[in-house]
Amino acid sequence: MPFPEQSPREYTRANIEALNPNQNGCYGIYKQGEWIYVGKGDIRSRMLDHFNGDNACISGKRPTYWVSAVSANYDELEKQLIRELSPSCNKRVG
């Protein structure tokens, strides 16, 4: 079960800040040919943390795009996406 069909957004501060706060769900950070990280929580807040360098693995991979899915059941969705996409910077499922 991949992310819902959508246009990828460039991994820029402006695109992340354009999100409304308090939208909980899952997000995926990637570059062409490689899923880098799948996370969950307040999408805007978590994505800004990553953009600001809170995870050296993500920063080192130099992501270019991201997608998201707002979901009330984001814990299970995150686990499914990590299993399916095998992102390089996720150390564990969940």
C-alpha atoms as a PDB file:
ATOM      1  CA  MET A   1       0.000   0.000   0.000  1.00  0.00           C
ATOM      2  CA  PRO A   2       1.974   3.028  -1.197  1.00  0.00           C
ATOM      3  CA  PHE A   3       1.211   6.653  -0.449  1.00  0.00           C
ATOM      4  CA  PRO A   4      -1.996   7.899  -2.096  1.00  0.00           C
ATOM      5  CA  GLU A   5      -1.642   9.203  -5.658  1.00  0.00           C
ATOM      6  CA  GLN A   6      -0.312  12.769  -5.499  1.00  0.00           C
ATOM      7  CA  SER A   7       2.196  15.132  -7.039  1.00  0.00           C
ATOM      8  CA  PRO A   8       5.474  14.993  -5.111  1.00  0.00           C
ATOM      9  CA  ARG A   9       6.518  18.236  -3.467  1.00  0.00           C
ATOM     10  CA  GLU A  10      10.051  19.556  -3.597  1.00  0.00           C
ATOM     11  CA  TYR A  11      11.910  19.201  -0.307  1.00  0.00           C
ATOM     12  CA  THR A  12      12.107  22.926   0.481  1.00  0.00           C
ATOM     13  CA  ARG A  13      11.377  24.922   3.611  1.00  0.00           C
ATOM     14  CA  ALA A  14       8.684  26.919   1.796  1.00  0.00           C
ATOM     15  CA  ASN A  15       6.819  23.773   0.722  1.00  0.00           C
ATOM     16  CA  ILE A  16       6.936  22.350   4.236  1.00  0.00           C
ATOM     17  CA  GLU A  17       5.913  25.623   5.901  1.00  0.00           C
ATOM     18  CA  ALA A  18       2.933  25.833   3.521  1.00  0.00           C
ATOM     19  CA  LEU A  19       1.337  22.882   5.343  1.00  0.00           C
ATOM     20  CA  ASN A  20      -1.261  23.528   8.005  1.00  0.00           C
ATOM     21  CA  PRO A  21      -0.073  22.675  11.522  1.00  0.00           C
ATOM     22  CA  ASN A  22      -1.633  19.782  13.424  1.00  0.00           C
ATOM     23  CA  GLN A  23      -2.181  17.522  10.412  1.00  0.00           C
ATOM     24  CA  ASN A  24      -1.274  14.099  11.713  1.00  0.00           C
ATOM     25  CA  GLY A  25      -0.317  11.286   9.416  1.00  0.00           C
ATOM     26  CA  CYS A  26       2.675   9.806   7.601  1.00  0.00           C
ATOM     27  CA  TYR A  27       5.212  11.334   5.275  1.00  0.00           C
ATOM     28  CA  GLY A  28       7.895   9.955   3.005  1.00  0.00           C
ATOM     29  CA  ILE A  29      11.130  11.717   2.097  1.00  0.00           C
ATOM     30  CA  TYR A  30      13.003  10.578  -0.997  1.00  0.00           C
ATOM     31  CA  LYS A  31      15.123  11.341  -4.016  1.00  0.00           C
ATOM     32  CA  GLN A  32      14.950   9.733  -7.426  1.00  0.00           C
ATOM     33  CA  GLY A  33      15.506   6.021  -7.030  1.00  0.00           C
ATOM     34  CA  GLU A  34      15.680   5.957  -3.209  1.00  0.00           C
ATOM     35  CA  TRP A  35      13.206   6.227  -0.350  1.00  0.00           C
ATOM     36  CA  ILE A  36      15.140   7.921   2.452  1.00  0.00           C
ATOM     37  CA  TYR A  37      12.746   8.101   5.406  1.00  0.00           C
ATOM     38  CA  VAL A  38       9.141   7.397   6.367  1.00  0.00           C
ATOM     39  CA  GLY A  39       7.837   9.072   9.506  1.00  0.00           C
ATOM     40  CA  LYS A  40       4.648   9.893  11.366  1.00  0.00           C
ATOM     41  CA  GLY A  41       3.109  12.531  13.604  1.00  0.00           C
ATOM     42  CA  ASP A  42       2.388  16.202  12.984  1.00  0.00           C
ATOM     43  CA  ILE A  43       3.589  16.247   9.377  1.00  0.00           C
ATOM     44  CA  ARG A  44       4.588  19.934   9.254  1.00  0.00           C
ATOM     45  CA  SER A  45       6.395  19.860  12.598  1.00  0.00           C
ATOM     46  CA  ARG A  46       8.284  16.617  11.941  1.00  0.00           C
ATOM     47  CA  MET A  47       9.233  17.612   8.402  1.00  0.00           C
ATOM     48  CA  LEU A  48      10.606  20.962   9.636  1.00  0.00           C
ATOM     49  CA  ASP A  49      12.653  19.107  12.265  1.00  0.00           C
ATOM     50  CA  HIS A  50      14.170  16.941   9.527  1.00  0.00           C
ATOM     51  CA  PHE A  51      14.727  19.899   7.203  1.00  0.00           C
ATOM     52  CA  ASN A  52      16.560  21.654  10.053  1.00  0.00           C
ATOM     53  CA  GLY A  53      18.941  18.715  10.380  1.00  0.00           C
ATOM     54  CA  ASP A  54      17.652  16.665  13.328  1.00  0.00           C
ATOM     55  CA  ASN A  55      18.565  13.409  11.553  1.00  0.00           C
ATOM     56  CA  ALA A  56      22.050  13.224  10.034  1.00  0.00           C
ATOM     57  CA  CYS A  57      21.123  10.259   7.864  1.00  0.00           C
ATOM     58  CA  ILE A  58      18.297  12.177   6.173  1.00  0.00           C
ATOM     59  CA  SER A  59      20.426  15.304   5.708  1.00  0.00           C
ATOM     60  CA  GLY A  60      23.336  13.279   4.334  1.00  0.00           C
ATOM     61  CA  LYS A  61      21.172  11.644   1.675  1.00  0.00           C
ATOM     62  CA  ARG A  62      20.192  15.055   0.275  1.00  0.00           C
ATOM     63  CA  PRO A  63      16.479  14.429  -0.302  1.00  0.00           C
ATOM     64  CA  THR A  64      14.709  16.209  -3.134  1.00  0.00           C
ATOM     65  CA  TYR A  65      11.008  15.316  -2.709  1.00  0.00           C
ATOM     66  CA  TRP A  66       8.385  14.319  -0.188  1.00  0.00           C
ATOM     67  CA  VAL A  67       4.813  13.054  -0.052  1.00  0.00           C
ATOM     68  CA  SER A  68       2.336  12.698   2.792  1.00  0.00           C
ATOM     69  CA  ALA A  69      -0.913  11.093   3.862  1.00  0.00           C
ATOM     70  CA  VAL A  70      -3.148  12.511   6.590  1.00  0.00           C
ATOM     71  CA  SER A  71      -4.475   9.590   8.624  1.00  0.00           C
ATOM     72  CA  ALA A  72      -5.958   8.980  12.049  1.00  0.00           C
ATOM     73  CA  ASN A  73      -4.346   5.516  12.063  1.00  0.00           C
ATOM     74  CA  TYR A  74      -0.836   6.705  11.271  1.00  0.00           C
ATOM     75  CA  ASP A  75       0.974   4.208  13.530  1.00  0.00           C
ATOM     76  CA  GLU A  76      -0.127   1.236  11.440  1.00  0.00           C
ATOM     77  CA  LEU A  77       0.237   3.143   8.160  1.00  0.00           C
ATOM     78  CA  GLU A  78       3.838   4.033   9.005  1.00  0.00           C
ATOM     79  CA  LYS A  79       4.699   0.385   9.703  1.00  0.00           C
ATOM     80  CA  GLN A  80       3.152  -0.721   6.411  1.00  0.00           C
ATOM     81  CA  LEU A  81       4.983   1.948   4.432  1.00  0.00           C
ATOM     82  CA  ILE A  82       8.348   1.163   6.037  1.00  0.00           C
ATOM     83  CA  ARG A  83       7.934  -2.540   5.254  1.00  0.00           C
ATOM     84  CA  GLU A  84       6.917  -1.793   1.678  1.00  0.00           C
ATOM     85  CA  LEU A  85       9.387   0.979   0.806  1.00  0.00           C
ATOM     86  CA  SER A  86      12.455  -0.009   2.906  1.00  0.00           C
ATOM     87  CA  PRO A  87      13.665   3.578   3.398  1.00  0.00           C
ATOM     88  CA  SER A  88      17.420   3.772   3.937  1.00  0.00           C
ATOM     89  CA  CYS A  89      17.304   5.940   7.092  1.00  0.00           C
ATOM     90  CA  ASN A  90      14.651   4.021   9.026  1.00  0.00           C
ATOM     91  CA  LYS A  91      16.419   1.812  11.563  1.00  0.00           C
ATOM     92  CA  ARG A  92      13.299  -0.070  12.633  1.00  0.00           C
ATOM     93  CA  VAL A  93       9.620  -0.463  11.880  1.00  0.00           C
ATOM     94  CA  GLY A  94       7.399   1.743  14.075  1.00  0.00           C
END
